[in-house]
Amino acid sequence: MISPHAKLADTVFSKDVELKSTRDGFGTGTVEAGKADENVVVLCADLKESTRAEWFEKEFPGRFIEVGIAEQNMAGLAAGFAMAGKVPFIASYAAFSPGRNYEQLRTMVALNNLPVKVMGMHAGVSVGPDGATHQMLEDMGLMRMLPRMVVINPIDAEEARKAVVAAAKTKEPTYIRFGRSPVPVITTSETPFEIGKALTLWNASKPKVALMATGAMSSVALAAARALDADGIACTVLHVPTIKPLDEKAVLAAAQAAGKVITIEEHQVAGGFGSAICEFLAETYPVPVKRLGIQDVFGQSGEPNELLEHYGLGAPHIAEVARQFVGKTL
């Protein structure tokens, strides 16, 4: 059964689905947050067009700071702004922030529990032709290890907008992950979003497996769920936008109902979303878990969809793994 919280009938399964990059949600979200709070400022490291930070600059030029190609300096400046009562958002490619400025984020931001909002753009293999150097696959692991750091990975541009607006209102350091490749917009302005809460997108009364996904992979998991449903394999799809803090209640309930779990992420399986799920379930309700993601390799150049298929993150592969997992191979 499709959840009423996602408008799937005319979106993810439709040829007319609206496709937008989640990074667009950062652009619209910061403008909205900036209108609501004059303390919101945006800092960018020479990538204002690619990150959509220029959308904020056009609305609030006096509250936009271009620091140049200096991600470490950007993190330090943001820490200072936060200490002065501002709500700083810093934007760059995830390969550079947190990739290049991790020590500054650790020591200046997280250690001091400052409400700096770190925006990691162009994450995952779906960046495409940019290749391994720019396909950041380790960012969620890096950031969720930092004490006090909140980690969010939105499903689409609309949820990304909500995540940015919500983050602007919190006192915690926060990391939000964004992609460049357009993905289906399957949520609406009415779809619930709350930091730390998961959302069931597909449900069955007696599921045989729970597909737990994060970010745009949740849309792919929905396509896999429809294929499994056609095969008579009941499953649930739990979209988990907040990796830290994890919605333990929702994860536990889904694991208890299905008895088997598959995690899906566009990130290294080591240290990322799947690891967070396994760590929690191992201590509370041990069940068999399969982790789908990047298996200890770097990315490579290619078209986004080709790369997702290559790394086993396409809907057909997810569905086949689920069939084998529940012991029903066609």
C-alpha atoms as a PDB file:
ATOM      1  CA  MET A   1       0.000   0.000   0.000  1.00  0.00           C
ATOM      2  CA  ILE A   2       1.378   3.392  -0.996  1.00  0.00           C
ATOM      3  CA  SER A   3       1.552   5.904   1.823  1.00  0.00           C
ATOM      4  CA  PRO A   4      -0.747   8.927   1.443  1.00  0.00           C
ATOM      5  CA  HIS A   5       2.204  11.074   2.496  1.00  0.00           C
ATOM      6  CA  ALA A   6       3.875  10.676  -0.912  1.00  0.00           C
ATOM      7  CA  LYS A   7       2.035  11.577  -4.124  1.00  0.00           C
ATOM      8  CA  LEU A   8       3.342   8.523  -5.949  1.00  0.00           C
ATOM      9  CA  ALA A   9       0.487   7.757  -8.322  1.00  0.00           C
ATOM     10  CA  ASP A  10       1.446  10.616 -10.631  1.00  0.00           C
ATOM     11  CA  THR A  11       5.099  11.074  -9.741  1.00  0.00           C
ATOM     12  CA  VAL A  12       7.728   8.405  -9.216  1.00  0.00           C
ATOM     13  CA  PHE A  13       5.864   5.916 -11.451  1.00  0.00           C
ATOM     14  CA  SER A  14       4.868   8.478 -14.079  1.00  0.00           C
ATOM     15  CA  LYS A  15       6.590   9.700 -17.220  1.00  0.00           C
ATOM     16  CA  ASP A  16       5.427  13.187 -16.300  1.00  0.00           C
ATOM     17  CA  VAL A  17       7.196  13.244 -12.950  1.00  0.00           C
ATOM     18  CA  GLU A  18       8.853  16.539 -12.068  1.00  0.00           C
ATOM     19  CA  LEU A  19      12.617  16.164 -11.852  1.00  0.00           C
ATOM     20  CA  LYS A  20      14.705  18.572  -9.797  1.00  0.00           C
ATOM     21  CA  SER A  21      18.078  18.485  -8.100  1.00  0.00           C
ATOM     22  CA  THR A  22      17.927  18.385  -4.319  1.00  0.00           C
ATOM     23  CA  ARG A  23      20.412  21.268  -4.356  1.00  0.00           C
ATOM     24  CA  ASP A  24      17.533  23.440  -5.622  1.00  0.00           C
ATOM     25  CA  GLY A  25      15.938  22.898  -2.228  1.00  0.00           C
ATOM     26  CA  PHE A  26      18.939  24.593  -0.646  1.00  0.00           C
ATOM     27  CA  GLY A  27      18.452  27.665  -2.825  1.00  0.00           C
ATOM     28  CA  THR A  28      14.743  28.042  -2.064  1.00  0.00           C
ATOM     29  CA  GLY A  29      15.162  26.991   1.561  1.00  0.00           C
ATOM     30  CA  THR A  30      17.803  29.580   2.425  1.00  0.00           C
ATOM     31  CA  VAL A  31      15.760  32.353   0.847  1.00  0.00           C
ATOM     32  CA  GLU A  32      12.762  31.287   2.923  1.00  0.00           C
ATOM     33  CA  ALA A  33      14.859  31.006   6.074  1.00  0.00           C
ATOM     34  CA  GLY A  34      16.473  34.355   5.349  1.00  0.00           C
ATOM     35  CA  LYS A  35      13.105  36.068   5.103  1.00  0.00           C
ATOM     36  CA  ALA A  36      12.050  34.580   8.429  1.00  0.00           C
ATOM     37  CA  ASP A  37      15.280  35.375  10.296  1.00  0.00           C
ATOM     38  CA  GLU A  38      17.606  38.272   9.529  1.00  0.00           C
ATOM     39  CA  ASN A  39      20.426  36.444  11.316  1.00  0.00           C
ATOM     40  CA  VAL A  40      20.650  33.851   8.545  1.00  0.00           C
ATOM     41  CA  VAL A  41      23.793  34.320   6.456  1.00  0.00           C
ATOM     42  CA  VAL A  42      25.258  32.235   3.629  1.00  0.00           C
ATOM     43  CA  LEU A  43      28.938  31.670   2.925  1.00  0.00           C
ATOM     44  CA  CYS A  44      30.172  30.036  -0.263  1.00  0.00           C
ATOM     45  CA  ALA A  45      33.545  28.822  -1.533  1.00  0.00           C
ATOM     46  CA  ASP A  46      33.577  30.020  -5.153  1.00  0.00           C
ATOM     47  CA  LEU A  47      30.666  27.775  -6.203  1.00  0.00           C
ATOM     48  CA  LYS A  48      27.615  29.972  -5.747  1.00  0.00           C
ATOM     49  CA  GLU A  49      25.999  28.959  -9.042  1.00  0.00           C
ATOM     50  CA  SER A  50      26.552  25.214  -8.673  1.00  0.00           C
ATOM     51  CA  THR A  51      25.432  25.168  -5.037  1.00  0.00           C
ATOM     52  CA  ARG A  52      22.462  27.517  -5.644  1.00  0.00           C
ATOM     53  CA  ALA A  53      23.867  29.897  -3.024  1.00  0.00           C
ATOM     54  CA  GLU A  54      23.452  32.679  -5.576  1.00  0.00           C
ATOM     55  CA  TRP A  55      19.684  32.478  -5.050  1.00  0.00           C
ATOM     56  CA  PHE A  56      20.237  33.755  -1.501  1.00  0.00           C
ATOM     57  CA  GLU A  57      22.768  36.345  -2.704  1.00  0.00           C
ATOM     58  CA  LYS A  58      20.204  37.855  -5.086  1.00  0.00           C
ATOM     59  CA  GLU A  59      17.703  38.295  -2.246  1.00  0.00           C
ATOM     60  CA  PHE A  60      20.133  39.297   0.503  1.00  0.00           C
ATOM     61  CA  PRO A  61      23.410  40.560  -1.005  1.00  0.00           C
ATOM     62  CA  GLY A  62      24.469  42.086   2.311  1.00  0.00           C
ATOM     63  CA  ARG A  63      24.205  38.727   4.073  1.00  0.00           C
ATOM     64  CA  PHE A  64      26.125  36.702   1.483  1.00  0.00           C
ATOM     65  CA  ILE A  65      29.881  36.150   1.814  1.00  0.00           C
ATOM     66  CA  GLU A  66      32.022  34.780  -0.999  1.00  0.00           C
ATOM     67  CA  VAL A  67      35.197  33.431   0.602  1.00  0.00           C
ATOM     68  CA  GLY A  68      36.796  32.016  -2.536  1.00  0.00           C
ATOM     69  CA  ILE A  69      38.449  28.622  -2.785  1.00  0.00           C
ATOM     70  CA  ALA A  70      39.138  28.449   0.939  1.00  0.00           C
ATOM     71  CA  GLU A  71      36.877  25.898   2.592  1.00  0.00           C
ATOM     72  CA  GLN A  72      38.841  25.791   5.854  1.00  0.00           C
ATOM     73  CA  ASN A  73      38.589  29.559   6.148  1.00  0.00           C
ATOM     74  CA  MET A  74      34.868  29.347   5.371  1.00  0.00           C
ATOM     75  CA  ALA A  75      34.329  26.970   8.302  1.00  0.00           C
ATOM     76  CA  GLY A  76      36.300  29.218  10.638  1.00  0.00           C
ATOM     77  CA  LEU A  77      34.392  32.308   9.550  1.00  0.00           C
ATOM     78  CA  ALA A  78      31.106  30.469  10.037  1.00  0.00           C
ATOM     79  CA  ALA A  79      32.121  29.524  13.577  1.00  0.00           C
ATOM     80  CA  GLY A  80      32.784  33.176  14.304  1.00  0.00           C
ATOM     81  CA  PHE A  81      29.460  34.236  12.841  1.00  0.00           C
ATOM     82  CA  ALA A  82      27.684  31.632  14.968  1.00  0.00           C
ATOM     83  CA  MET A  83      29.423  32.879  18.119  1.00  0.00           C
ATOM     84  CA  ALA A  84      28.167  36.362  17.237  1.00  0.00           C
ATOM     85  CA  GLY A  85      24.563  35.152  17.105  1.00  0.00           C
ATOM     86  CA  LYS A  86      24.218  34.560  13.379  1.00  0.00           C
ATOM     87  CA  VAL A  87      22.874  31.402  11.699  1.00  0.00           C
ATOM     88  CA  PRO A  88      25.543  30.625   9.093  1.00  0.00           C
ATOM     89  CA  PHE A  89      25.038  28.238   6.186  1.00  0.00           C
ATOM     90  CA  ILE A  90      28.228  27.214   4.388  1.00  0.00           C
ATOM     91  CA  ALA A  91      27.985  25.741   0.891  1.00  0.00           C
ATOM     92  CA  SER A  92      30.459  23.829  -1.241  1.00  0.00           C
ATOM     93  CA  TYR A  93      30.830  20.458  -2.891  1.00  0.00           C
ATOM     94  CA  ALA A  94      30.766  17.680  -0.303  1.00  0.00           C
ATOM     95  CA  ALA A  95      34.196  16.593  -1.547  1.00  0.00           C
ATOM     96  CA  PHE A  96      35.523  19.892  -0.177  1.00  0.00           C
ATOM     97  CA  SER A  97      33.143  20.523   2.711  1.00  0.00           C
ATOM     98  CA  PRO A  98      33.404  18.349   4.804  1.00  0.00           C
ATOM     99  CA  GLY A  99      36.107  16.707   2.672  1.00  0.00           C
ATOM    100  CA  ARG A 100      38.703  19.477   2.877  1.00  0.00           C
ATOM    101  CA  ASN A 101      37.709  21.344   6.040  1.00  0.00           C
ATOM    102  CA  TYR A 102      36.954  18.413   8.346  1.00  0.00           C
ATOM    103  CA  GLU A 103      39.408  19.484  11.030  1.00  0.00           C
ATOM    104  CA  GLN A 104      37.896  22.961  11.229  1.00  0.00           C
ATOM    105  CA  LEU A 105      34.380  21.522  11.375  1.00  0.00           C
ATOM    106  CA  ARG A 106      35.479  19.168  14.124  1.00  0.00           C
ATOM    107  CA  THR A 107      37.426  21.591  16.296  1.00  0.00           C
ATOM    108  CA  MET A 108      35.754  24.943  15.679  1.00  0.00           C
ATOM    109  CA  VAL A 109      32.154  23.910  15.051  1.00  0.00           C
ATOM    110  CA  ALA A 110      31.268  20.553  16.623  1.00  0.00           C
ATOM    111  CA  LEU A 111      33.555  20.811  19.644  1.00  0.00           C
ATOM    112  CA  ASN A 112      32.052  24.182  20.506  1.00  0.00           C
ATOM    113  CA  ASN A 113      28.499  23.059  19.637  1.00  0.00           C
ATOM    114  CA  LEU A 114      27.956  25.989  17.289  1.00  0.00           C
ATOM    115  CA  PRO A 115      24.876  26.130  15.042  1.00  0.00           C
ATOM    116  CA  VAL A 116      26.798  26.137  11.773  1.00  0.00           C
ATOM    117  CA  LYS A 117      24.838  24.531   8.920  1.00  0.00           C
ATOM    118  CA  VAL A 118      27.108  22.628   6.537  1.00  0.00           C
ATOM    119  CA  MET A 119      25.707  22.078   3.034  1.00  0.00           C
ATOM    120  CA  GLY A 120      27.457  19.282   1.127  1.00  0.00           C
ATOM    121  CA  MET A 121      26.607  19.488  -2.574  1.00  0.00           C
ATOM    122  CA  HIS A 122      27.138  17.088  -5.482  1.00  0.00           C
ATOM    123  CA  ALA A 123      27.413  14.031  -3.238  1.00  0.00           C
ATOM    124  CA  GLY A 124      27.217  10.453  -4.519  1.00  0.00           C
ATOM    125  CA  VAL A 125      28.097   8.764  -7.802  1.00  0.00           C
ATOM    126  CA  SER A 126      25.144  10.422  -9.544  1.00  0.00           C
ATOM    127  CA  VAL A 127      27.310  13.531  -9.957  1.00  0.00           C
ATOM    128  CA  GLY A 128      28.249  11.579 -13.082  1.00  0.00           C
ATOM    129  CA  PRO A 129      31.083  12.666 -15.422  1.00  0.00           C
ATOM    130  CA  ASP A 130      32.888  14.630 -12.688  1.00  0.00           C
ATOM    131  CA  GLY A 131      34.374  11.309 -11.615  1.00  0.00           C
ATOM    132  CA  ALA A 132      35.931   9.887  -8.493  1.00  0.00           C
ATOM    133  CA  THR A 133      37.512  13.086  -7.150  1.00  0.00           C
ATOM    134  CA  HIS A 134      34.168  14.867  -6.916  1.00  0.00           C
ATOM    135  CA  GLN A 135      31.906  11.907  -6.121  1.00  0.00           C
ATOM    136  CA  MET A 136      31.925  12.213  -2.355  1.00  0.00           C
ATOM    137  CA  LEU A 137      30.924   8.841  -0.902  1.00  0.00           C
ATOM    138  CA  GLU A 138      32.223   9.173   2.657  1.00  0.00           C
ATOM    139  CA  ASP A 139      30.605  12.375   3.914  1.00  0.00           C
ATOM    140  CA  MET A 140      27.762  10.924   5.971  1.00  0.00           C
ATOM    141  CA  GLY A 141      30.197   8.648   7.785  1.00  0.00           C
ATOM    142  CA  LEU A 142      32.555  11.517   8.517  1.00  0.00           C
ATOM    143  CA  MET A 143      29.841  13.791   9.803  1.00  0.00           C
ATOM    144  CA  ARG A 144      27.808  11.334  11.843  1.00  0.00           C
ATOM    145  CA  MET A 145      30.944  10.466  13.805  1.00  0.00           C
ATOM    146  CA  LEU A 146      31.219  14.046  15.039  1.00  0.00           C
ATOM    147  CA  PRO A 147      29.605  14.525  18.452  1.00  0.00           C
ATOM    148  CA  ARG A 148      26.515  16.775  18.362  1.00  0.00           C
ATOM    149  CA  MET A 149      26.402  16.869  14.534  1.00  0.00           C
ATOM    150  CA  VAL A 150      22.961  16.321  12.987  1.00  0.00           C
ATOM    151  CA  VAL A 151      23.055  14.554   9.581  1.00  0.00           C
ATOM    152  CA  ILE A 152      20.224  14.883   7.038  1.00  0.00           C
ATOM    153  CA  ASN A 153      19.855  13.401   3.533  1.00  0.00           C
ATOM    154  CA  PRO A 154      16.633  14.594   1.807  1.00  0.00           C
ATOM    155  CA  ILE A 155      14.693  12.548  -0.738  1.00  0.00           C
ATOM    156  CA  ASP A 156      13.889  15.395  -3.145  1.00  0.00           C
ATOM    157  CA  ALA A 157      14.032  19.150  -3.652  1.00  0.00           C
ATOM    158  CA  GLU A 158      10.875  19.793  -1.620  1.00  0.00           C
ATOM    159  CA  GLU A 159      12.105  17.863   1.398  1.00  0.00           C
ATOM    160  CA  ALA A 160      15.497  19.533   1.007  1.00  0.00           C
ATOM    161  CA  ARG A 161      13.799  22.921   1.250  1.00  0.00           C
ATOM    162  CA  LYS A 162      12.048  21.839   4.435  1.00  0.00           C
ATOM    163  CA  ALA A 163      15.283  20.478   5.884  1.00  0.00           C
ATOM    164  CA  VAL A 164      17.071  23.784   5.305  1.00  0.00           C
ATOM    165  CA  VAL A 165      14.245  25.785   6.861  1.00  0.00           C
ATOM    166  CA  ALA A 166      14.100  23.420   9.838  1.00  0.00           C
ATOM    167  CA  ALA A 167      17.881  23.492  10.336  1.00  0.00           C
ATOM    168  CA  ALA A 168      17.856  27.289  10.447  1.00  0.00           C
ATOM    169  CA  LYS A 169      15.698  27.099  13.573  1.00  0.00           C
ATOM    170  CA  THR A 170      17.877  24.690  15.578  1.00  0.00           C
ATOM    171  CA  LYS A 171      20.846  25.291  17.850  1.00  0.00           C
ATOM    172  CA  GLU A 172      22.801  22.213  16.706  1.00  0.00           C
ATOM    173  CA  PRO A 173      25.551  21.966  14.102  1.00  0.00           C
ATOM    174  CA  THR A 174      23.943  20.317  11.092  1.00  0.00           C
ATOM    175  CA  TYR A 175      25.061  18.637   7.888  1.00  0.00           C
ATOM    176  CA  ILE A 176      22.685  18.342   4.926  1.00  0.00           C
ATOM    177  CA  ARG A 177      23.585  16.289   1.859  1.00  0.00           C
ATOM    178  CA  PHE A 178      22.518  17.305  -1.657  1.00  0.00           C
ATOM    179  CA  GLY A 179      22.809  15.865  -5.153  1.00  0.00           C
ATOM    180  CA  ARG A 180      23.228  17.444  -8.578  1.00  0.00           C
ATOM    181  CA  SER A 181      21.380  14.961 -10.767  1.00  0.00           C
ATOM    182  CA  PRO A 182      17.631  15.686 -11.097  1.00  0.00           C
ATOM    183  CA  VAL A 183      15.489  13.212  -9.127  1.00  0.00           C
ATOM    184  CA  PRO A 184      11.710  12.724  -8.840  1.00  0.00           C
ATOM    185  CA  VAL A 185       9.900  15.205  -6.621  1.00  0.00           C
ATOM    186  CA  ILE A 186       7.582  12.811  -4.789  1.00  0.00           C
ATOM    187  CA  THR A 187       6.749  14.816  -1.682  1.00  0.00           C
ATOM    188  CA  THR A 188       4.522  17.853  -1.400  1.00  0.00           C
ATOM    189  CA  SER A 189       4.307  20.879   0.852  1.00  0.00           C
ATOM    190  CA  GLU A 190       1.893  18.844   3.005  1.00  0.00           C
ATOM    191  CA  THR A 191       4.193  15.830   3.383  1.00  0.00           C
ATOM    192  CA  PRO A 192       5.396  15.666   6.994  1.00  0.00           C
ATOM    193  CA  PHE A 193       9.036  16.487   7.677  1.00  0.00           C
ATOM    194  CA  GLU A 194      10.701  16.698  11.049  1.00  0.00           C
ATOM    195  CA  ILE A 195      14.376  16.370  11.871  1.00  0.00           C
ATOM    196  CA  GLY A 196      14.891  12.955  13.439  1.00  0.00           C
ATOM    197  CA  LYS A 197      11.732  11.397  11.966  1.00  0.00           C
ATOM    198  CA  ALA A 198      11.427   8.709   9.284  1.00  0.00           C
ATOM    199  CA  LEU A 199       8.530   8.319   6.872  1.00  0.00           C
ATOM    200  CA  THR A 200       6.873   5.110   5.673  1.00  0.00           C
ATOM    201  CA  LEU A 201       6.353   5.397   1.910  1.00  0.00           C
ATOM    202  CA  TRP A 202       5.160   1.865   1.173  1.00  0.00           C
ATOM    203  CA  ASN A 203       3.521  -0.449   3.650  1.00  0.00           C
ATOM    204  CA  ALA A 204       2.196  -4.013   3.793  1.00  0.00           C
ATOM    205  CA  SER A 205       0.279  -5.797   6.529  1.00  0.00           C
ATOM    206  CA  LYS A 206       2.659  -8.772   6.632  1.00  0.00           C
ATOM    207  CA  PRO A 207       5.947  -7.632   5.085  1.00  0.00           C
ATOM    208  CA  LYS A 208       8.687 -10.131   4.360  1.00  0.00           C
ATOM    209  CA  VAL A 209      11.397  -7.518   4.084  1.00  0.00           C
ATOM    210  CA  ALA A 210      11.872  -3.852   5.022  1.00  0.00           C
ATOM    211  CA  LEU A 211      13.625  -1.614   2.513  1.00  0.00           C
ATOM    212  CA  MET A 212      15.220   1.221   4.472  1.00  0.00           C
ATOM    213  CA  ALA A 213      16.624   3.971   2.307  1.00  0.00           C
ATOM    214  CA  THR A 214      17.879   7.514   2.568  1.00  0.00           C
ATOM    215  CA  GLY A 215      18.102  10.424   0.172  1.00  0.00           C
ATOM    216  CA  ALA A 216      17.076   9.956  -3.454  1.00  0.00           C
ATOM    217  CA  MET A 217      17.566   6.207  -3.040  1.00  0.00           C
ATOM    218  CA  SER A 218      14.189   6.132  -1.310  1.00  0.00           C
ATOM    219  CA  SER A 219      12.497   6.840  -4.662  1.00  0.00           C
ATOM    220  CA  VAL A 220      14.427   3.947  -6.196  1.00  0.00           C
ATOM    221  CA  ALA A 221      13.375   1.741  -3.286  1.00  0.00           C
ATOM    222  CA  LEU A 222       9.746   2.580  -4.095  1.00  0.00           C
ATOM    223  CA  ALA A 223      10.198   1.374  -7.667  1.00  0.00           C
ATOM    224  CA  ALA A 224      11.717  -1.845  -6.319  1.00  0.00           C
ATOM    225  CA  ALA A 225       8.777  -2.224  -3.921  1.00  0.00           C
ATOM    226  CA  ARG A 226       6.290  -2.059  -6.777  1.00  0.00           C
ATOM    227  CA  ALA A 227       8.186  -4.808  -8.624  1.00  0.00           C
ATOM    228  CA  LEU A 228       8.238  -6.946  -5.486  1.00  0.00           C
ATOM    229  CA  ASP A 229       4.542  -6.367  -4.927  1.00  0.00           C
ATOM    230  CA  ALA A 230       3.847  -7.659  -8.448  1.00  0.00           C
ATOM    231  CA  ASP A 231       5.797 -10.799  -7.511  1.00  0.00           C
ATOM    232  CA  GLY A 232       3.702 -11.304  -4.398  1.00  0.00           C
ATOM    233  CA  ILE A 233       6.476 -10.244  -2.031  1.00  0.00           C
ATOM    234  CA  ALA A 234       5.133  -7.881   0.609  1.00  0.00           C
ATOM    235  CA  CYS A 235       7.538  -5.242   1.821  1.00  0.00           C
ATOM    236  CA  THR A 236       7.761  -1.864   3.465  1.00  0.00           C
ATOM    237  CA  VAL A 237       9.759   1.162   2.362  1.00  0.00           C
ATOM    238  CA  LEU A 238      11.007   3.360   5.180  1.00  0.00           C
ATOM    239  CA  HIS A 239      12.500   6.645   4.060  1.00  0.00           C
ATOM    240  CA  VAL A 240      15.033   7.841   6.645  1.00  0.00           C
ATOM    241  CA  PRO A 241      16.084  11.423   5.883  1.00  0.00           C
ATOM    242  CA  THR A 242      17.825  11.932   9.227  1.00  0.00           C
ATOM    243  CA  ILE A 243      20.745   9.585   9.721  1.00  0.00           C
ATOM    244  CA  LYS A 244      21.598  11.257  13.027  1.00  0.00           C
ATOM    245  CA  PRO A 245      19.645  11.339  15.248  1.00  0.00           C
ATOM    246  CA  LEU A 246      18.125   8.132  13.930  1.00  0.00           C
ATOM    247  CA  ASP A 247      14.391   7.536  14.233  1.00  0.00           C
ATOM    248  CA  GLU A 248      14.942   4.452  16.360  1.00  0.00           C
ATOM    249  CA  LYS A 249      11.245   3.859  17.011  1.00  0.00           C
ATOM    250  CA  ALA A 250      10.387   3.697  13.304  1.00  0.00           C
ATOM    251  CA  VAL A 251      13.429   1.580  12.429  1.00  0.00           C
ATOM    252  CA  LEU A 252      12.683  -0.868  15.227  1.00  0.00           C
ATOM    253  CA  ALA A 253       9.022  -1.181  14.253  1.00  0.00           C
ATOM    254  CA  ALA A 254       9.872  -1.864  10.609  1.00  0.00           C
ATOM    255  CA  ALA A 255      12.511  -4.441  11.547  1.00  0.00           C
ATOM    256  CA  GLN A 256      10.161  -6.200  13.962  1.00  0.00           C
ATOM    257  CA  ALA A 257       7.349  -6.341  11.392  1.00  0.00           C
ATOM    258  CA  ALA A 258       9.480  -7.703   8.540  1.00  0.00           C
ATOM    259  CA  GLY A 259      12.238  -9.677  10.256  1.00  0.00           C
ATOM    260  CA  LYS A 260      14.690  -8.813   7.466  1.00  0.00           C
ATOM    261  CA  VAL A 261      16.146  -5.471   6.435  1.00  0.00           C
ATOM    262  CA  ILE A 262      17.840  -4.113   3.321  1.00  0.00           C
ATOM    263  CA  THR A 263      19.506  -0.704   3.594  1.00  0.00           C
ATOM    264  CA  ILE A 264      20.048   1.428   0.494  1.00  0.00           C
ATOM    265  CA  GLU A 265      22.341   4.439   0.195  1.00  0.00           C
ATOM    266  CA  GLU A 266      24.417   6.296  -2.386  1.00  0.00           C
ATOM    267  CA  HIS A 267      27.405   6.212  -0.056  1.00  0.00           C
ATOM    268  CA  GLN A 268      30.065   3.817   1.154  1.00  0.00           C
ATOM    269  CA  VAL A 269      28.444   0.956   3.059  1.00  0.00           C
ATOM    270  CA  ALA A 270      31.179   1.336   5.678  1.00  0.00           C
ATOM    271  CA  GLY A 271      30.273   3.990   8.215  1.00  0.00           C
ATOM    272  CA  GLY A 272      27.204   5.375   6.508  1.00  0.00           C
ATOM    273  CA  PHE A 273      23.443   4.924   6.722  1.00  0.00           C
ATOM    274  CA  GLY A 274      23.503   1.124   6.640  1.00  0.00           C
ATOM    275  CA  SER A 275      26.085   1.065   9.390  1.00  0.00           C
ATOM    276  CA  ALA A 276      23.889   3.311  11.533  1.00  0.00           C
ATOM    277  CA  ILE A 277      20.966   0.918  11.067  1.00  0.00           C
ATOM    278  CA  CYS A 278      23.097  -2.142  11.838  1.00  0.00           C
ATOM    279  CA  GLU A 279      24.628  -0.572  14.934  1.00  0.00           C
ATOM    280  CA  PHE A 280      21.208   0.227  16.345  1.00  0.00           C
ATOM    281  CA  LEU A 281      19.571  -3.098  15.508  1.00  0.00           C
ATOM    282  CA  ALA A 282      22.534  -5.119  16.769  1.00  0.00           C
ATOM    283  CA  GLU A 283      21.961  -3.698  20.239  1.00  0.00           C
ATOM    284  CA  THR A 284      18.157  -3.727  20.246  1.00  0.00           C
ATOM    285  CA  TYR A 285      16.643  -6.256  17.843  1.00  0.00           C
ATOM    286  CA  PRO A 286      19.188  -8.287  15.819  1.00  0.00           C
ATOM    287  CA  VAL A 287      17.802  -9.304  12.419  1.00  0.00           C
ATOM    288  CA  PRO A 288      19.454 -10.227   9.099  1.00  0.00           C
ATOM    289  CA  VAL A 289      20.522  -7.065   7.241  1.00  0.00           C
ATOM    290  CA  LYS A 290      21.899  -6.560   3.738  1.00  0.00           C
ATOM    291  CA  ARG A 291      23.561  -3.255   2.988  1.00  0.00           C
ATOM    292  CA  LEU A 292      23.383  -1.903  -0.560  1.00  0.00           C
ATOM    293  CA  GLY A 293      25.655   0.981  -1.422  1.00  0.00           C
ATOM    294  CA  ILE A 294      29.192   1.573  -2.617  1.00  0.00           C
ATOM    295  CA  GLN A 295      31.255  -1.462  -1.702  1.00  0.00           C
ATOM    296  CA  ASP A 296      34.687  -0.110  -0.677  1.00  0.00           C
ATOM    297  CA  VAL A 297      35.571   1.429  -4.044  1.00  0.00           C
ATOM    298  CA  PHE A 298      35.800   4.929  -5.453  1.00  0.00           C
ATOM    299  CA  GLY A 299      33.465   6.301  -8.094  1.00  0.00           C
ATOM    300  CA  GLN A 300      34.176   6.822 -11.773  1.00  0.00           C
ATOM    301  CA  SER A 301      33.009   8.934 -14.692  1.00  0.00           C
ATOM    302  CA  GLY A 302      29.743   8.059 -16.393  1.00  0.00           C
ATOM    303  CA  GLU A 303      26.128   9.056 -16.731  1.00  0.00           C
ATOM    304  CA  PRO A 304      24.259   9.155 -13.397  1.00  0.00           C
ATOM    305  CA  ASN A 305      21.820   6.331 -14.143  1.00  0.00           C
ATOM    306  CA  GLU A 306      24.563   4.177 -15.623  1.00  0.00           C
ATOM    307  CA  LEU A 307      26.637   4.586 -12.494  1.00  0.00           C
ATOM    308  CA  LEU A 308      23.755   3.780 -10.160  1.00  0.00           C
ATOM    309  CA  GLU A 309      23.106   0.579 -12.119  1.00  0.00           C
ATOM    310  CA  HIS A 310      26.818  -0.254 -12.170  1.00  0.00           C
ATOM    311  CA  TYR A 311      27.058   0.003  -8.397  1.00  0.00           C
ATOM    312  CA  GLY A 312      23.940  -2.077  -7.822  1.00  0.00           C
ATOM    313  CA  LEU A 313      21.671   0.807  -6.846  1.00  0.00           C
ATOM    314  CA  GLY A 314      19.059   0.489  -9.568  1.00  0.00           C
ATOM    315  CA  ALA A 315      15.527  -0.701  -8.782  1.00  0.00           C
ATOM    316  CA  PRO A 316      15.881  -4.044 -10.666  1.00  0.00           C
ATOM    317  CA  HIS A 317      18.981  -4.991  -8.670  1.00  0.00           C
ATOM    318  CA  ILE A 318      17.405  -3.965  -5.366  1.00  0.00           C
ATOM    319  CA  ALA A 319      14.337  -6.054  -6.160  1.00  0.00           C
ATOM    320  CA  GLU A 320      16.434  -9.088  -7.090  1.00  0.00           C
ATOM    321  CA  VAL A 321      18.458  -8.822  -3.895  1.00  0.00           C
ATOM    322  CA  ALA A 322      15.188  -8.711  -1.964  1.00  0.00           C
ATOM    323  CA  ARG A 323      13.862 -11.791  -3.779  1.00  0.00           C
ATOM    324  CA  GLN A 324      16.972 -13.760  -2.931  1.00  0.00           C
ATOM    325  CA  PHE A 325      16.940 -12.444   0.616  1.00  0.00           C
ATOM    326  CA  VAL A 326      13.437 -13.756   1.272  1.00  0.00           C
ATOM    327  CA  GLY A 327      14.114 -16.952  -0.653  1.00  0.00           C
ATOM    328  CA  LYS A 328      11.938 -16.330  -3.694  1.00  0.00           C
ATOM    329  CA  THR A 329      14.101 -16.000  -6.804  1.00  0.00           C
ATOM    330  CA  LEU A 330      12.102 -15.850 -10.042  1.00  0.00           C
END
